[in-house]
């Protein structure tokens, strides 16, 4: 690997899936403002809308994850195009 091009501030960070409250802890350099305490240890917290724990491709469940009414907005715009008039 080339020297000097990779970040030096890797640390353990908690990633929280907001759709099902699953928490993953892994090393990352992501900037965070919040923290979370897990088993007596305080980790920086990064909140995600979707992860492998909630994405239909990984779970095998066809579940619509609606964020701020995007699915409803799409259905109102394009949902009735295939209906006969």
Protein backbone atom coordinates (compact mmCIF):
# COMPACT_ATOMS: atom_id res chain seq x y z
CA UNK A 1 0.00 0.00 0.00
CA UNK A 2 1.10 3.54 -0.63
CA UNK A 3 2.13 5.47 2.43
CA UNK A 4 0.36 8.68 3.42
CA UNK A 5 -2.90 8.18 1.48
CA UNK A 6 -4.88 6.24 4.09
CA UNK A 7 -6.52 7.87 7.13
CA UNK A 8 -4.87 7.34 10.48
CA UNK A 9 -7.89 7.91 12.73
CA UNK A 10 -9.56 4.48 12.56
CA UNK A 11 -11.56 3.74 15.71
CA UNK A 12 -14.49 1.56 16.76
CA UNK A 13 -17.80 3.14 15.73
CA UNK A 14 -21.37 1.94 16.38
CA UNK A 15 -23.61 1.98 13.29
CA UNK A 16 -27.33 1.94 14.18
CA UNK A 17 -30.02 0.92 11.70
CA UNK A 18 -32.92 3.25 12.50
CA UNK A 19 -35.57 1.03 10.87
CA UNK A 20 -35.04 -1.92 13.25
CA UNK A 21 -32.62 -0.60 15.95
CA UNK A 22 -29.85 -3.11 15.14
CA UNK A 23 -26.37 -1.89 16.13
CA UNK A 24 -23.12 -2.94 14.45
CA UNK A 25 -19.70 -2.07 15.83
CA UNK A 26 -16.81 -1.86 13.40
CA UNK A 27 -13.74 0.25 12.72
CA UNK A 28 -14.34 3.43 10.75
CA UNK A 29 -13.16 7.00 10.21
CA UNK A 30 -16.66 8.46 9.86
CA UNK A 31 -17.28 11.77 11.65
CA UNK A 32 -20.01 11.59 14.30
CA UNK A 33 -21.62 13.95 16.78
CA UNK A 34 -23.49 11.45 18.95
CA UNK A 35 -22.34 8.62 21.19
CA UNK A 36 -23.92 5.43 22.48
CA UNK A 37 -23.04 3.24 25.45
CA UNK A 38 -22.93 -0.50 24.82
CA UNK A 39 -21.87 -2.89 27.60
CA UNK A 40 -20.31 -0.05 29.56
CA UNK A 41 -18.21 1.23 26.65
CA UNK A 42 -18.99 4.54 24.92
CA UNK A 43 -18.76 4.47 21.11
CA UNK A 44 -19.28 7.21 18.51
CA UNK A 45 -22.72 6.66 16.90
CA UNK A 46 -23.57 6.82 13.20
CA UNK A 47 -27.28 6.47 12.34
CA UNK A 48 -28.31 4.77 9.08
CA UNK A 49 -31.73 4.52 7.44
CA UNK A 50 -31.11 1.04 6.02
CA UNK A 51 -28.50 -1.69 6.42
CA UNK A 52 -28.08 -5.38 5.68
CA UNK A 53 -30.32 -6.11 8.69
CA UNK A 54 -33.30 -4.35 7.08
CA UNK A 55 -32.66 -4.34 3.32
CA UNK A 56 -35.00 -6.72 1.43
CA UNK A 57 -32.14 -8.15 -0.66
CA UNK A 58 -30.32 -9.42 2.44
CA UNK A 59 -33.34 -10.36 4.57
CA UNK A 60 -35.32 -12.11 1.83
CA UNK A 61 -38.47 -10.26 2.87
CA UNK A 62 -40.18 -7.93 0.44
CA UNK A 63 -40.79 -5.05 2.82
CA UNK A 64 -41.12 -1.44 1.75
CA UNK A 65 -39.01 0.88 3.85
CA UNK A 66 -40.77 4.23 3.61
CA UNK A 67 -38.64 7.21 4.46
CA UNK A 68 -40.50 10.52 4.66
CA UNK A 69 -43.39 9.33 2.47
CA UNK A 70 -41.30 8.62 -0.63
CA UNK A 71 -43.19 5.44 -1.49
CA UNK A 72 -46.57 7.21 -1.19
CA UNK A 73 -45.33 10.07 -3.33
CA UNK A 74 -44.13 7.64 -6.00
CA UNK A 75 -47.39 5.67 -5.96
CA UNK A 76 -49.50 8.80 -6.27
CA UNK A 77 -47.42 9.93 -9.22
CA UNK A 78 -46.84 6.68 -11.12
CA UNK A 79 -48.90 3.96 -9.39
CA UNK A 80 -52.02 4.12 -11.55
CA UNK A 81 -50.38 4.25 -15.01
CA UNK A 82 -51.08 0.58 -15.84
CA UNK A 83 -54.77 0.72 -14.98
CA UNK A 84 -57.26 0.65 -17.87
CA UNK A 85 -59.22 3.80 -18.46
